[in-house]
Amino acid sequence: MKELAHEPDARRYTLTVEGHLAAVADYAVNGNSISFHHTFTQPHLRGKGYAADVVAFAVDDVEENSTRRIVPMCWYVAQWFDEHPEKAPLLSR
C-alpha cells in the first residue's frame, strides 16, 4: 500500500510503502516561490517510479493549494518538469 503525504512542519512531501518511508521531496519556501532542493528514494526501492510519484503529488499540491511558483533546484525535479511540459506554467521565471 502506497501513501502520499505533505509534512509542512518538516517541509517535505513523502511516499510511504507498506508503512515504510520510500521517497521524499524536500523544499524551502521563499516568498511566493517554493524551491524543491532534494529528492531521495531509498536505494533498495529505486527504479519503481516512487520519486516521480512524490514529485507529481507535490507539484499538484502546490498548484491546487497555493499561488506559489516552483523553483526546481534538484536535478530530478528539473528533469520531471522537462518530461511534463504541461506543468511549466508553475515554474518561477
N, C-alpha and C. Protein backbone atom coordinates (compact mmCIF):
# COMPACT_ATOMS: atom_id res chain seq x y z
N MET A 1 0.83 -1.18 0.00
CA MET A 1 0.00 0.00 0.00
C MET A 1 0.88 1.24 0.00
N LYS A 2 0.58 2.18 -0.92
CA LYS A 2 1.32 3.44 -1.01
C LYS A 2 0.50 4.56 -0.41
N GLU A 3 1.21 5.47 0.29
CA GLU A 3 0.54 6.64 0.86
C GLU A 3 1.41 7.87 0.63
N LEU A 4 0.81 8.88 0.02
CA LEU A 4 1.48 10.15 -0.22
C LEU A 4 1.02 11.16 0.82
N ALA A 5 1.95 12.00 1.28
CA ALA A 5 1.60 12.98 2.32
C ALA A 5 2.45 14.23 2.17
N HIS A 6 1.88 15.34 2.65
CA HIS A 6 2.62 16.59 2.77
C HIS A 6 2.87 16.78 4.26
N GLU A 7 4.12 17.00 4.61
CA GLU A 7 4.51 17.25 6.00
C GLU A 7 5.06 18.67 6.09
N PRO A 8 4.17 19.67 6.20
CA PRO A 8 4.63 21.06 6.16
C PRO A 8 5.60 21.44 7.27
N ASP A 9 5.46 20.86 8.45
CA ASP A 9 6.40 21.18 9.54
C ASP A 9 7.82 20.72 9.21
N ALA A 10 7.93 19.64 8.45
CA ALA A 10 9.24 19.12 8.04
C ALA A 10 9.65 19.65 6.67
N ARG A 11 8.77 20.42 6.05
CA ARG A 11 8.99 20.98 4.70
C ARG A 11 9.35 19.88 3.71
N ARG A 12 8.46 18.89 3.64
CA ARG A 12 8.70 17.80 2.70
C ARG A 12 7.40 17.11 2.32
N TYR A 13 7.48 16.44 1.18
CA TYR A 13 6.43 15.55 0.72
C TYR A 13 7.01 14.14 0.80
N THR A 14 6.18 13.19 1.20
CA THR A 14 6.68 11.83 1.38
C THR A 14 5.80 10.80 0.69
N LEU A 15 6.41 9.67 0.41
CA LEU A 15 5.71 8.49 -0.08
C LEU A 15 6.12 7.34 0.81
N THR A 16 5.16 6.71 1.44
CA THR A 16 5.44 5.52 2.22
C THR A 16 4.84 4.31 1.50
N VAL A 17 5.54 3.21 1.60
CA VAL A 17 5.09 1.95 1.01
C VAL A 17 5.08 0.92 2.12
N GLU A 18 3.94 0.31 2.32
CA GLU A 18 3.80 -0.69 3.39
C GLU A 18 4.26 -0.13 4.73
N GLY A 19 3.99 1.16 4.96
CA GLY A 19 4.32 1.79 6.23
C GLY A 19 5.76 2.24 6.38
N HIS A 20 6.58 2.08 5.33
CA HIS A 20 7.99 2.48 5.39
C HIS A 20 8.25 3.62 4.41
N LEU A 21 9.04 4.59 4.86
CA LEU A 21 9.37 5.72 4.01
C LEU A 21 10.12 5.24 2.77
N ALA A 22 9.59 5.59 1.60
CA ALA A 22 10.19 5.15 0.34
C ALA A 22 10.85 6.30 -0.41
N ALA A 23 10.19 7.48 -0.44
CA ALA A 23 10.72 8.61 -1.21
C ALA A 23 10.31 9.91 -0.55
N VAL A 24 11.15 10.94 -0.76
CA VAL A 24 10.96 12.24 -0.15
C VAL A 24 11.31 13.33 -1.16
N ALA A 25 10.55 14.43 -1.12
CA ALA A 25 10.89 15.64 -1.86
C ALA A 25 10.91 16.78 -0.84
N ASP A 26 12.11 17.28 -0.54
CA ASP A 26 12.29 18.36 0.42
C ASP A 26 12.19 19.71 -0.28
N TYR A 27 11.69 20.71 0.44
CA TYR A 27 11.53 22.03 -0.16
C TYR A 27 11.80 23.13 0.86
N ALA A 28 11.95 24.34 0.32
CA ALA A 28 12.06 25.55 1.13
C ALA A 28 11.14 26.60 0.50
N VAL A 29 10.49 27.37 1.34
CA VAL A 29 9.61 28.44 0.87
C VAL A 29 10.37 29.75 0.98
N ASN A 30 10.32 30.53 -0.11
CA ASN A 30 10.95 31.84 -0.13
C ASN A 30 9.98 32.81 -0.79
N GLY A 31 9.22 33.52 0.04
CA GLY A 31 8.23 34.45 -0.51
C GLY A 31 7.16 33.70 -1.27
N ASN A 32 6.98 34.05 -2.53
CA ASN A 32 5.95 33.42 -3.35
C ASN A 32 6.50 32.26 -4.18
N SER A 33 7.64 31.72 -3.78
CA SER A 33 8.17 30.57 -4.50
C SER A 33 8.47 29.44 -3.53
N ILE A 34 8.49 28.25 -4.08
CA ILE A 34 8.83 27.04 -3.32
C ILE A 34 9.93 26.33 -4.10
N SER A 35 11.06 26.13 -3.45
CA SER A 35 12.22 25.51 -4.09
C SER A 35 12.32 24.05 -3.66
N PHE A 36 12.21 23.16 -4.61
CA PHE A 36 12.44 21.74 -4.32
C PHE A 36 13.94 21.49 -4.50
N HIS A 37 14.62 21.25 -3.39
CA HIS A 37 16.08 21.19 -3.42
C HIS A 37 16.65 19.80 -3.20
N HIS A 38 15.81 18.82 -2.88
CA HIS A 38 16.35 17.48 -2.63
C HIS A 38 15.23 16.46 -2.82
N THR A 39 15.51 15.46 -3.62
CA THR A 39 14.60 14.33 -3.79
C THR A 39 15.40 13.07 -3.52
N PHE A 40 14.79 12.15 -2.75
CA PHE A 40 15.52 10.94 -2.38
C PHE A 40 14.57 9.75 -2.39
N THR A 41 15.06 8.64 -2.92
CA THR A 41 14.36 7.36 -2.85
C THR A 41 15.29 6.36 -2.18
N GLN A 42 14.75 5.58 -1.27
CA GLN A 42 15.55 4.56 -0.60
C GLN A 42 16.23 3.70 -1.67
N PRO A 43 17.54 3.45 -1.53
CA PRO A 43 18.28 2.74 -2.58
C PRO A 43 17.66 1.41 -3.01
N HIS A 44 17.15 0.64 -2.09
CA HIS A 44 16.59 -0.67 -2.46
C HIS A 44 15.22 -0.56 -3.14
N LEU A 45 14.67 0.65 -3.21
CA LEU A 45 13.38 0.87 -3.85
C LEU A 45 13.48 1.68 -5.14
N ARG A 46 14.67 2.01 -5.56
CA ARG A 46 14.84 2.82 -6.77
C ARG A 46 14.42 2.04 -8.01
N GLY A 47 14.01 2.78 -9.02
CA GLY A 47 13.60 2.18 -10.28
C GLY A 47 12.14 1.78 -10.33
N LYS A 48 11.37 2.13 -9.32
CA LYS A 48 9.95 1.77 -9.26
C LYS A 48 9.04 2.97 -9.52
N GLY A 49 9.61 4.13 -9.80
CA GLY A 49 8.82 5.32 -10.09
C GLY A 49 8.35 6.07 -8.86
N TYR A 50 8.90 5.74 -7.69
CA TYR A 50 8.45 6.40 -6.46
C TYR A 50 8.82 7.88 -6.41
N ALA A 51 9.98 8.24 -6.90
CA ALA A 51 10.37 9.65 -6.91
C ALA A 51 9.41 10.44 -7.81
N ALA A 52 9.06 9.88 -8.95
CA ALA A 52 8.12 10.55 -9.85
C ALA A 52 6.76 10.70 -9.17
N ASP A 53 6.34 9.69 -8.43
CA ASP A 53 5.06 9.76 -7.73
C ASP A 53 5.05 10.90 -6.71
N VAL A 54 6.10 11.00 -5.91
CA VAL A 54 6.12 12.02 -4.86
C VAL A 54 6.26 13.42 -5.47
N VAL A 55 7.02 13.57 -6.54
CA VAL A 55 7.16 14.88 -7.18
C VAL A 55 5.83 15.29 -7.83
N ALA A 56 5.17 14.37 -8.50
CA ALA A 56 3.88 14.68 -9.11
C ALA A 56 2.87 15.10 -8.05
N PHE A 57 2.85 14.40 -6.93
CA PHE A 57 1.96 14.74 -5.83
C PHE A 57 2.27 16.14 -5.30
N ALA A 58 3.56 16.43 -5.12
CA ALA A 58 3.97 17.73 -4.60
C ALA A 58 3.59 18.85 -5.56
N VAL A 59 3.85 18.67 -6.83
CA VAL A 59 3.53 19.69 -7.83
C VAL A 59 2.02 19.93 -7.87
N ASP A 60 1.25 18.86 -7.86
CA ASP A 60 -0.21 19.00 -7.86
C ASP A 60 -0.69 19.73 -6.60
N ASP A 61 -0.08 19.42 -5.46
CA ASP A 61 -0.48 20.07 -4.22
C ASP A 61 -0.17 21.57 -4.26
N VAL A 62 1.00 21.92 -4.75
CA VAL A 62 1.37 23.34 -4.86
C VAL A 62 0.38 24.04 -5.80
N GLU A 63 0.08 23.41 -6.92
CA GLU A 63 -0.83 24.01 -7.90
C GLU A 63 -2.23 24.19 -7.32
N GLU A 64 -2.73 23.21 -6.60
CA GLU A 64 -4.11 23.24 -6.12
C GLU A 64 -4.31 24.05 -4.84
N ASN A 65 -3.25 24.19 -4.03
CA ASN A 65 -3.42 24.76 -2.70
C ASN A 65 -2.62 26.02 -2.41
N SER A 66 -2.00 26.59 -3.44
CA SER A 66 -1.24 27.82 -3.22
C SER A 66 -1.14 28.62 -4.51
N THR A 67 -0.54 29.79 -4.39
CA THR A 67 -0.26 30.60 -5.58
C THR A 67 1.24 30.65 -5.83
N ARG A 68 1.99 29.81 -5.14
CA ARG A 68 3.45 29.82 -5.27
C ARG A 68 3.90 29.28 -6.63
N ARG A 69 5.06 29.75 -7.04
CA ARG A 69 5.73 29.24 -8.22
C ARG A 69 6.86 28.33 -7.77
N ILE A 70 7.18 27.34 -8.60
CA ILE A 70 8.16 26.32 -8.24
C ILE A 70 9.52 26.62 -8.84
N VAL A 71 10.54 26.45 -8.01
CA VAL A 71 11.94 26.56 -8.45
C VAL A 71 12.55 25.16 -8.29
N PRO A 72 12.86 24.50 -9.40
CA PRO A 72 13.42 23.14 -9.32
C PRO A 72 14.94 23.17 -9.10
N MET A 73 15.36 23.22 -7.84
CA MET A 73 16.79 23.24 -7.51
C MET A 73 17.41 21.84 -7.62
N CYS A 74 16.63 20.82 -7.46
CA CYS A 74 17.08 19.43 -7.53
C CYS A 74 17.05 18.97 -8.99
N TRP A 75 18.07 18.28 -9.43
CA TRP A 75 18.14 17.83 -10.83
C TRP A 75 16.94 16.95 -11.18
N TYR A 76 16.49 16.14 -10.23
CA TYR A 76 15.39 15.23 -10.53
C TYR A 76 14.09 16.00 -10.79
N VAL A 77 13.83 17.02 -9.97
CA VAL A 77 12.63 17.83 -10.16
C VAL A 77 12.71 18.58 -11.49
N ALA A 78 13.88 19.09 -11.83
CA ALA A 78 14.05 19.77 -13.12
C ALA A 78 13.77 18.80 -14.27
N GLN A 79 14.28 17.59 -14.16
CA GLN A 79 14.05 16.56 -15.19
C GLN A 79 12.56 16.21 -15.27
N TRP A 80 11.90 16.14 -14.12
CA TRP A 80 10.47 15.83 -14.10
C TRP A 80 9.70 16.90 -14.89
N PHE A 81 10.06 18.17 -14.69
CA PHE A 81 9.39 19.24 -15.43
C PHE A 81 9.69 19.15 -16.92
N ASP A 82 10.90 18.74 -17.29
CA ASP A 82 11.22 18.54 -18.71
C ASP A 82 10.30 17.49 -19.32
N GLU A 83 9.96 16.48 -18.53
CA GLU A 83 9.11 15.38 -19.01
C GLU A 83 7.61 15.70 -18.91
N HIS A 84 7.27 16.81 -18.24
CA HIS A 84 5.87 17.21 -18.06
C HIS A 84 5.71 18.69 -18.42
N PRO A 85 5.90 19.03 -19.69
CA PRO A 85 5.86 20.44 -20.10
C PRO A 85 4.52 21.11 -19.83
N GLU A 86 3.45 20.34 -19.67
CA GLU A 86 2.16 20.93 -19.36
C GLU A 86 2.14 21.60 -17.99
N LYS A 87 3.12 21.30 -17.15
CA LYS A 87 3.21 21.90 -15.82
C LYS A 87 4.16 23.09 -15.80
N ALA A 88 4.76 23.43 -16.93
CA ALA A 88 5.73 24.54 -16.99
C ALA A 88 5.19 25.87 -16.48
N PRO A 89 3.90 26.18 -16.64
CA PRO A 89 3.40 27.46 -16.11
C PRO A 89 3.59 27.62 -14.58
N LEU A 90 3.84 26.53 -13.88
CA LEU A 90 4.06 26.60 -12.43
C LEU A 90 5.49 27.03 -12.07
N LEU A 91 6.37 27.00 -13.05
CA LEU A 91 7.77 27.34 -12.78
C LEU A 91 7.96 28.83 -12.57
N SER A 92 8.88 29.15 -11.67
CA SER A 92 9.24 30.54 -11.44
C SER A 92 10.10 31.01 -12.60
N ARG A 93 9.88 32.23 -13.00
CA ARG A 93 10.69 32.77 -14.11
C ARG A 93 11.88 33.51 -13.59
